[in-house]
Amino acid sequence: METSKTDKAVVTVAVTTLLTFLIVNYIGSIWLLYPNLLIAIGLFGYCIWQNGEGTSLLSRSLLFGFTATLTYIPMDWLFSRKVHLIFYLRPDFLANMTTPIGLILSWVVFATLTGYCYQQLEMICRNREVAGAALLAAATTGIGAAVGSTVIYGLGSSHLWTWNAKWIDTTPHIASVPLFVPVAFLLTFLLCPYYFHREQHAAVAGIRCGIFMGALQFFCFLLFYIWR
């Protein structure tokens, strides 16, 4: 199967995002997130404007990523402002906001990448008549989200955010990342067949994902905290 321009754009954004967080980890400036966001907007916008192969899938994934993030934001506010589970260290445009705008927009990119990954893998598996196409695509996406969240949270730790030692110091970790984080992301994206059930509208799929993303992170945290 030939790789489309849209696939190449998605891979490019994934790579530039990883490189951005590597640089942020070294320099510690949240403003470095914005060049990567401009790259993502430019590449995704160009692909949609070209209306080539995979454009419809990318558009659905963007809507999925936007609604998932919008749904998750209030829960993140509870985690940071009320529960004090995590503290954000680098404000950008609005200093009074709990979560910096650059991080919120980066979440849209992350959710878009995972949504595209699941839908593309599921379509490829179905075209090749692979048994359990949706479950296989969800498992691959979930594992990728778990690994990716570990890397991103590890690179952002101490420069963009820090965990409240009172809550997480006695729970299991992978390097500087509490174990409940990748576990929660794994479980969240294992549910992709439910989000996109029967050609569900991308906005509805995103709302479902955002709800489960917040709920599973909280319940996984409670599970590890209680059984520490």
C-alpha atoms as a PDB file:
ATOM      1  CA  MET A   1       0.000   0.000   0.000  1.00  0.00           C
ATOM      2  CA  GLU A   2       1.482   3.306  -1.132  1.00  0.00           C
ATOM      3  CA  THR A   3       2.040   5.950   1.504  1.00  0.00           C
ATOM      4  CA  SER A   4      -0.102   9.034   0.876  1.00  0.00           C
ATOM      5  CA  LYS A   5       0.904  12.669   1.360  1.00  0.00           C
ATOM      6  CA  THR A   6      -1.425  12.777   4.349  1.00  0.00           C
ATOM      7  CA  ASP A   7       0.342   9.824   5.971  1.00  0.00           C
ATOM      8  CA  LYS A   8       3.685  11.543   5.424  1.00  0.00           C
ATOM      9  CA  ALA A   9       2.344  14.774   6.943  1.00  0.00           C
ATOM     10  CA  VAL A  10       1.078  12.903  10.023  1.00  0.00           C
ATOM     11  CA  VAL A  11       4.431  11.146  10.480  1.00  0.00           C
ATOM     12  CA  THR A  12       6.274  14.455  10.023  1.00  0.00           C
ATOM     13  CA  VAL A  13       4.160  16.144  12.694  1.00  0.00           C
ATOM     14  CA  ALA A  14       4.746  13.225  15.071  1.00  0.00           C
ATOM     15  CA  VAL A  15       8.513  13.499  14.548  1.00  0.00           C
ATOM     16  CA  THR A  16       8.639  17.306  14.882  1.00  0.00           C
ATOM     17  CA  THR A  17       6.538  17.074  18.052  1.00  0.00           C
ATOM     18  CA  LEU A  18       8.977  14.610  19.591  1.00  0.00           C
ATOM     19  CA  LEU A  19      11.926  16.797  18.591  1.00  0.00           C
ATOM     20  CA  THR A  20      10.172  19.857  20.037  1.00  0.00           C
ATOM     21  CA  PHE A  21       9.763  18.221  23.439  1.00  0.00           C
ATOM     22  CA  LEU A  22      13.371  17.056  23.336  1.00  0.00           C
ATOM     23  CA  ILE A  23      14.461  20.669  22.794  1.00  0.00           C
ATOM     24  CA  VAL A  24      12.033  21.936  25.449  1.00  0.00           C
ATOM     25  CA  ASN A  25      13.512  19.410  27.874  1.00  0.00           C
ATOM     26  CA  TYR A  26      16.954  20.886  27.196  1.00  0.00           C
ATOM     27  CA  ILE A  27      16.074  24.614  27.080  1.00  0.00           C
ATOM     28  CA  GLY A  28      12.953  24.756  29.248  1.00  0.00           C
ATOM     29  CA  SER A  29      10.955  27.321  27.240  1.00  0.00           C
ATOM     30  CA  ILE A  30       7.258  26.704  26.628  1.00  0.00           C
ATOM     31  CA  TRP A  31       7.310  29.113  23.677  1.00  0.00           C
ATOM     32  CA  LEU A  32       9.141  26.465  21.639  1.00  0.00           C
ATOM     33  CA  LEU A  33       5.847  24.582  21.396  1.00  0.00           C
ATOM     34  CA  TYR A  34       4.418  27.185  19.033  1.00  0.00           C
ATOM     35  CA  PRO A  35       6.726  26.622  16.024  1.00  0.00           C
ATOM     36  CA  ASN A  36       5.716  22.961  16.133  1.00  0.00           C
ATOM     37  CA  LEU A  37       2.046  23.938  16.297  1.00  0.00           C
ATOM     38  CA  LEU A  38       2.544  26.149  13.235  1.00  0.00           C
ATOM     39  CA  ILE A  39       4.157  23.201  11.408  1.00  0.00           C
ATOM     40  CA  ALA A  40       1.193  20.973  12.324  1.00  0.00           C
ATOM     41  CA  ILE A  41      -1.357  23.598  11.225  1.00  0.00           C
ATOM     42  CA  GLY A  42       0.530  24.195   7.984  1.00  0.00           C
ATOM     43  CA  LEU A  43       0.919  20.534   7.032  1.00  0.00           C
ATOM     44  CA  PHE A  44      -2.598  19.504   8.044  1.00  0.00           C
ATOM     45  CA  GLY A  45      -4.101  22.568   6.379  1.00  0.00           C
ATOM     46  CA  TYR A  46      -2.152  21.916   3.172  1.00  0.00           C
ATOM     47  CA  CYS A  47      -3.283  18.281   3.031  1.00  0.00           C
ATOM     48  CA  ILE A  48      -6.927  19.227   3.560  1.00  0.00           C
ATOM     49  CA  TRP A  49      -6.676  21.993   0.952  1.00  0.00           C
ATOM     50  CA  GLN A  50      -5.150  19.556  -1.555  1.00  0.00           C
ATOM     51  CA  ASN A  51      -8.079  17.198  -0.936  1.00  0.00           C
ATOM     52  CA  GLY A  52      -5.962  14.144  -1.674  1.00  0.00           C
ATOM     53  CA  GLU A  53      -5.971  10.608  -0.339  1.00  0.00           C
ATOM     54  CA  GLY A  54      -6.632  10.460   3.388  1.00  0.00           C
ATOM     55  CA  THR A  55      -7.975  14.024   3.577  1.00  0.00           C
ATOM     56  CA  SER A  56     -11.366  12.953   4.891  1.00  0.00           C
ATOM     57  CA  LEU A  57      -9.683  10.801   7.533  1.00  0.00           C
ATOM     58  CA  LEU A  58      -7.440  13.683   8.602  1.00  0.00           C
ATOM     59  CA  SER A  59     -10.399  16.072   8.853  1.00  0.00           C
ATOM     60  CA  ARG A  60     -12.266  13.579  11.039  1.00  0.00           C
ATOM     61  CA  SER A  61      -9.171  13.108  13.186  1.00  0.00           C
ATOM     62  CA  LEU A  62      -8.751  16.874  13.671  1.00  0.00           C
ATOM     63  CA  LEU A  63     -12.365  17.196  14.790  1.00  0.00           C
ATOM     64  CA  PHE A  64     -11.861  14.188  17.056  1.00  0.00           C
ATOM     65  CA  GLY A  65      -8.710  15.729  18.553  1.00  0.00           C
ATOM     66  CA  PHE A  66     -10.337  19.111  19.101  1.00  0.00           C
ATOM     67  CA  THR A  67     -13.475  17.784  20.820  1.00  0.00           C
ATOM     68  CA  ALA A  68     -11.512  15.256  22.909  1.00  0.00           C
ATOM     69  CA  THR A  69      -9.259  18.051  24.199  1.00  0.00           C
ATOM     70  CA  LEU A  70     -12.148  20.443  24.789  1.00  0.00           C
ATOM     71  CA  THR A  71     -13.931  17.746  26.813  1.00  0.00           C
ATOM     72  CA  TYR A  72     -10.808  16.883  28.799  1.00  0.00           C
ATOM     73  CA  ILE A  73      -9.844  20.473  29.780  1.00  0.00           C
ATOM     74  CA  PRO A  74     -12.295  20.786  32.732  1.00  0.00           C
ATOM     75  CA  MET A  75     -10.959  17.507  34.153  1.00  0.00           C
ATOM     76  CA  ASP A  76      -7.384  18.701  33.830  1.00  0.00           C
ATOM     77  CA  TRP A  77      -8.434  21.869  35.660  1.00  0.00           C
ATOM     78  CA  LEU A  78      -9.693  19.677  38.519  1.00  0.00           C
ATOM     79  CA  PHE A  79      -6.443  17.651  38.566  1.00  0.00           C
ATOM     80  CA  SER A  80      -4.254  20.759  38.705  1.00  0.00           C
ATOM     81  CA  ARG A  81      -6.289  23.472  40.439  1.00  0.00           C
ATOM     82  CA  LYS A  82      -8.397  21.479  42.909  1.00  0.00           C
ATOM     83  CA  VAL A  83      -6.688  18.127  43.524  1.00  0.00           C
ATOM     84  CA  HIS A  84      -3.173  19.562  43.010  1.00  0.00           C
ATOM     85  CA  LEU A  85      -2.027  16.350  41.375  1.00  0.00           C
ATOM     86  CA  ILE A  86       0.068  18.210  38.794  1.00  0.00           C
ATOM     87  CA  PHE A  87       1.467  21.761  38.639  1.00  0.00           C
ATOM     88  CA  TYR A  88       2.134  23.652  35.392  1.00  0.00           C
ATOM     89  CA  LEU A  89       5.292  25.738  35.649  1.00  0.00           C
ATOM     90  CA  ARG A  90       5.461  27.853  32.477  1.00  0.00           C
ATOM     91  CA  PRO A  91       2.511  30.163  31.673  1.00  0.00           C
ATOM     92  CA  ASP A  92       2.403  31.569  28.155  1.00  0.00           C
ATOM     93  CA  PHE A  93      -0.253  34.026  26.905  1.00  0.00           C
ATOM     94  CA  LEU A  94      -2.613  33.971  29.893  1.00  0.00           C
ATOM     95  CA  ALA A  95      -0.734  33.682  33.168  1.00  0.00           C
ATOM     96  CA  ASN A  96      -3.927  33.074  35.170  1.00  0.00           C
ATOM     97  CA  MET A  97      -4.902  29.994  33.170  1.00  0.00           C
ATOM     98  CA  THR A  98      -4.202  26.705  34.941  1.00  0.00           C
ATOM     99  CA  THR A  99      -3.013  24.982  31.766  1.00  0.00           C
ATOM    100  CA  PRO A 100      -0.882  26.937  29.255  1.00  0.00           C
ATOM    101  CA  ILE A 101      -2.489  27.460  25.845  1.00  0.00           C
ATOM    102  CA  GLY A 102       0.524  25.922  24.083  1.00  0.00           C
ATOM    103  CA  LEU A 103      -0.004  22.662  25.963  1.00  0.00           C
ATOM    104  CA  ILE A 104      -3.747  22.627  25.264  1.00  0.00           C
ATOM    105  CA  LEU A 105      -3.095  23.059  21.531  1.00  0.00           C
ATOM    106  CA  SER A 106      -0.413  20.365  21.718  1.00  0.00           C
ATOM    107  CA  TRP A 107      -3.012  18.010  23.215  1.00  0.00           C
ATOM    108  CA  VAL A 108      -5.132  18.631  20.112  1.00  0.00           C
ATOM    109  CA  VAL A 109      -2.168  17.507  18.000  1.00  0.00           C
ATOM    110  CA  PHE A 110      -1.609  14.394  20.151  1.00  0.00           C
ATOM    111  CA  ALA A 111      -5.283  13.390  20.011  1.00  0.00           C
ATOM    112  CA  THR A 112      -5.396  14.039  16.258  1.00  0.00           C
ATOM    113  CA  LEU A 113      -2.376  11.787  15.700  1.00  0.00           C
ATOM    114  CA  THR A 114      -3.850   8.952  17.761  1.00  0.00           C
ATOM    115  CA  GLY A 115      -7.275   9.301  16.134  1.00  0.00           C
ATOM    116  CA  TYR A 116      -5.712   9.188  12.676  1.00  0.00           C
ATOM    117  CA  CYS A 117      -3.518   6.237  13.647  1.00  0.00           C
ATOM    118  CA  TYR A 118      -6.489   4.178  14.837  1.00  0.00           C
ATOM    119  CA  GLN A 119      -8.725   4.943  11.858  1.00  0.00           C
ATOM    120  CA  GLN A 120      -5.975   4.362   9.308  1.00  0.00           C
ATOM    121  CA  LEU A 121      -4.857   1.082  10.887  1.00  0.00           C
ATOM    122  CA  GLU A 122      -8.435  -0.121  11.186  1.00  0.00           C
ATOM    123  CA  MET A 123      -9.080   0.643   7.511  1.00  0.00           C
ATOM    124  CA  ILE A 124      -5.879  -1.116   6.401  1.00  0.00           C
ATOM    125  CA  CYS A 125      -6.734  -4.207   8.471  1.00  0.00           C
ATOM    126  CA  ARG A 126     -10.253  -4.334   7.055  1.00  0.00           C
ATOM    127  CA  ASN A 127      -9.014  -3.964   3.485  1.00  0.00           C
ATOM    128  CA  ARG A 128      -6.665  -6.893   4.073  1.00  0.00           C
ATOM    129  CA  GLU A 129      -9.474  -8.845   5.742  1.00  0.00           C
ATOM    130  CA  VAL A 130      -7.579  -9.218   9.013  1.00  0.00           C
ATOM    131  CA  ALA A 131      -9.692 -10.794  11.751  1.00  0.00           C
ATOM    132  CA  GLY A 132     -10.537  -8.408  14.592  1.00  0.00           C
ATOM    133  CA  ALA A 133      -9.416  -5.350  12.611  1.00  0.00           C
ATOM    134  CA  ALA A 134     -10.847  -2.802  15.053  1.00  0.00           C
ATOM    135  CA  LEU A 135      -9.398  -4.537  18.127  1.00  0.00           C
ATOM    136  CA  LEU A 136      -5.962  -4.915  16.521  1.00  0.00           C
ATOM    137  CA  ALA A 137      -5.927  -1.252  15.480  1.00  0.00           C
ATOM    138  CA  ALA A 138      -7.069  -0.191  18.966  1.00  0.00           C
ATOM    139  CA  ALA A 139      -4.393  -2.318  20.673  1.00  0.00           C
ATOM    140  CA  THR A 140      -1.665  -0.846  18.451  1.00  0.00           C
ATOM    141  CA  THR A 141      -2.933   2.693  19.025  1.00  0.00           C
ATOM    142  CA  GLY A 142      -3.259   2.131  22.770  1.00  0.00           C
ATOM    143  CA  ILE A 143       0.295   0.824  23.081  1.00  0.00           C
ATOM    144  CA  GLY A 144       1.558   3.736  20.998  1.00  0.00           C
ATOM    145  CA  ALA A 145      -0.341   6.200  23.204  1.00  0.00           C
ATOM    146  CA  ALA A 146       1.070   4.597  26.365  1.00  0.00           C
ATOM    147  CA  VAL A 147       4.649   4.771  25.076  1.00  0.00           C
ATOM    148  CA  GLY A 148       4.167   8.264  23.668  1.00  0.00           C
ATOM    149  CA  SER A 149       2.648   9.614  26.884  1.00  0.00           C
ATOM    150  CA  THR A 150       5.560   8.211  28.880  1.00  0.00           C
ATOM    151  CA  VAL A 151       8.070   9.932  26.599  1.00  0.00           C
ATOM    152  CA  ILE A 152       6.223  13.265  26.449  1.00  0.00           C
ATOM    153  CA  TYR A 153       5.466  13.409  30.178  1.00  0.00           C
ATOM    154  CA  GLY A 154       9.049  12.439  30.922  1.00  0.00           C
ATOM    155  CA  LEU A 155      10.461  15.168  28.677  1.00  0.00           C
ATOM    156  CA  GLY A 156       8.095  17.831  30.039  1.00  0.00           C
ATOM    157  CA  SER A 157       8.679  16.963  33.674  1.00  0.00           C
ATOM    158  CA  SER A 158      10.460  19.645  35.742  1.00  0.00           C
ATOM    159  CA  HIS A 159      10.354  22.214  32.902  1.00  0.00           C
ATOM    160  CA  LEU A 160       6.686  22.417  31.868  1.00  0.00           C
ATOM    161  CA  TRP A 161       5.042  20.604  34.770  1.00  0.00           C
ATOM    162  CA  THR A 162       5.836  18.761  37.962  1.00  0.00           C
ATOM    163  CA  TRP A 163       3.931  16.112  39.881  1.00  0.00           C
ATOM    164  CA  ASN A 164       2.795  16.652  43.451  1.00  0.00           C
ATOM    165  CA  ALA A 165       5.157  14.485  45.493  1.00  0.00           C
ATOM    166  CA  LYS A 166       2.557  14.228  48.247  1.00  0.00           C
ATOM    167  CA  TRP A 167       0.338  12.147  45.970  1.00  0.00           C
ATOM    168  CA  ILE A 168       2.626  10.224  43.653  1.00  0.00           C
ATOM    169  CA  ASP A 169       5.993   9.648  45.367  1.00  0.00           C
ATOM    170  CA  THR A 170       4.875   6.323  46.821  1.00  0.00           C
ATOM    171  CA  THR A 171       3.269   5.052  43.586  1.00  0.00           C
ATOM    172  CA  PRO A 172       5.116   3.105  40.832  1.00  0.00           C
ATOM    173  CA  HIS A 173       7.003   5.148  38.221  1.00  0.00           C
ATOM    174  CA  ILE A 174       8.620   4.763  34.831  1.00  0.00           C
ATOM    175  CA  ALA A 175      11.572   7.135  35.195  1.00  0.00           C
ATOM    176  CA  SER A 176       9.899  10.407  36.299  1.00  0.00           C
ATOM    177  CA  VAL A 177       6.423   9.452  35.029  1.00  0.00           C
ATOM    178  CA  PRO A 178       3.820   7.946  37.380  1.00  0.00           C
ATOM    179  CA  LEU A 179       2.779   4.540  36.053  1.00  0.00           C
ATOM    180  CA  PHE A 180      -0.904   5.405  36.139  1.00  0.00           C
ATOM    181  CA  VAL A 181      -0.371   7.855  33.235  1.00  0.00           C
ATOM    182  CA  PRO A 182       0.633   5.365  30.489  1.00  0.00           C
ATOM    183  CA  VAL A 183      -1.808   2.778  31.882  1.00  0.00           C
ATOM    184  CA  ALA A 184      -4.652   5.305  31.630  1.00  0.00           C
ATOM    185  CA  PHE A 185      -3.708   6.243  28.047  1.00  0.00           C
ATOM    186  CA  LEU A 186      -3.439   2.580  27.089  1.00  0.00           C
ATOM    187  CA  LEU A 187      -6.935   1.898  28.403  1.00  0.00           C
ATOM    188  CA  THR A 188      -8.317   5.112  26.894  1.00  0.00           C
ATOM    189  CA  PHE A 189      -7.303   4.244  23.352  1.00  0.00           C
ATOM    190  CA  LEU A 190      -8.121   0.556  23.671  1.00  0.00           C
ATOM    191  CA  LEU A 191     -11.685   1.890  23.650  1.00  0.00           C
ATOM    192  CA  CYS A 192     -11.350   3.421  20.160  1.00  0.00           C
ATOM    193  CA  PRO A 193     -13.800   0.879  18.647  1.00  0.00           C
ATOM    194  CA  TYR A 194     -16.403   2.256  21.055  1.00  0.00           C
ATOM    195  CA  TYR A 195     -15.627   5.893  20.229  1.00  0.00           C
ATOM    196  CA  PHE A 196     -15.924   5.283  16.475  1.00  0.00           C
ATOM    197  CA  HIS A 197     -18.642   2.630  16.687  1.00  0.00           C
ATOM    198  CA  ARG A 198     -20.675   2.344  13.458  1.00  0.00           C
ATOM    199  CA  GLU A 199     -19.159   5.344  11.719  1.00  0.00           C
ATOM    200  CA  GLN A 200     -19.879   7.558  14.724  1.00  0.00           C
ATOM    201  CA  HIS A 201     -19.532  11.297  14.090  1.00  0.00           C
ATOM    202  CA  ALA A 202     -15.993  12.427  14.908  1.00  0.00           C
ATOM    203  CA  ALA A 203     -17.198  15.082  17.369  1.00  0.00           C
ATOM    204  CA  VAL A 204     -19.176  12.489  19.356  1.00  0.00           C
ATOM    205  CA  ALA A 205     -16.180  10.137  19.256  1.00  0.00           C
ATOM    206  CA  GLY A 206     -13.972  12.935  20.595  1.00  0.00           C
ATOM    207  CA  ILE A 207     -16.366  13.737  23.441  1.00  0.00           C
ATOM    208  CA  ARG A 208     -16.420  10.077  24.444  1.00  0.00           C
ATOM    209  CA  CYS A 209     -12.627   9.904  24.320  1.00  0.00           C
ATOM    210  CA  GLY A 210     -12.199  13.092  26.379  1.00  0.00           C
ATOM    211  CA  ILE A 211     -14.524  11.797  29.090  1.00  0.00           C
ATOM    212  CA  PHE A 212     -12.755   8.452  29.327  1.00  0.00           C
ATOM    213  CA  MET A 213      -9.323  10.101  29.179  1.00  0.00           C
ATOM    214  CA  GLY A 214     -10.043  12.139  32.288  1.00  0.00           C
ATOM    215  CA  ALA A 215     -11.989   9.461  34.136  1.00  0.00           C
ATOM    216  CA  LEU A 216      -9.449   6.701  33.523  1.00  0.00           C
ATOM    217  CA  GLN A 217      -6.525   8.874  34.587  1.00  0.00           C
ATOM    218  CA  PHE A 218      -8.309   9.668  37.842  1.00  0.00           C
ATOM    219  CA  PHE A 219      -9.361   6.077  38.544  1.00  0.00           C
ATOM    220  CA  CYS A 220      -5.929   4.690  37.633  1.00  0.00           C
ATOM    221  CA  PHE A 221      -4.352   7.237  39.971  1.00  0.00           C
ATOM    222  CA  LEU A 222      -6.733   6.193  42.767  1.00  0.00           C
ATOM    223  CA  LEU A 223      -6.004   2.505  42.124  1.00  0.00           C
ATOM    224  CA  PHE A 224      -2.228   2.943  42.326  1.00  0.00           C
ATOM    225  CA  TYR A 225      -2.531   5.330  45.271  1.00  0.00           C
ATOM    226  CA  ILE A 226      -4.733   2.988  47.309  1.00  0.00           C
ATOM    227  CA  TRP A 227      -2.656  -0.117  46.540  1.00  0.00           C
ATOM    228  CA  ARG A 228       0.759   1.558  46.887  1.00  0.00           C
END
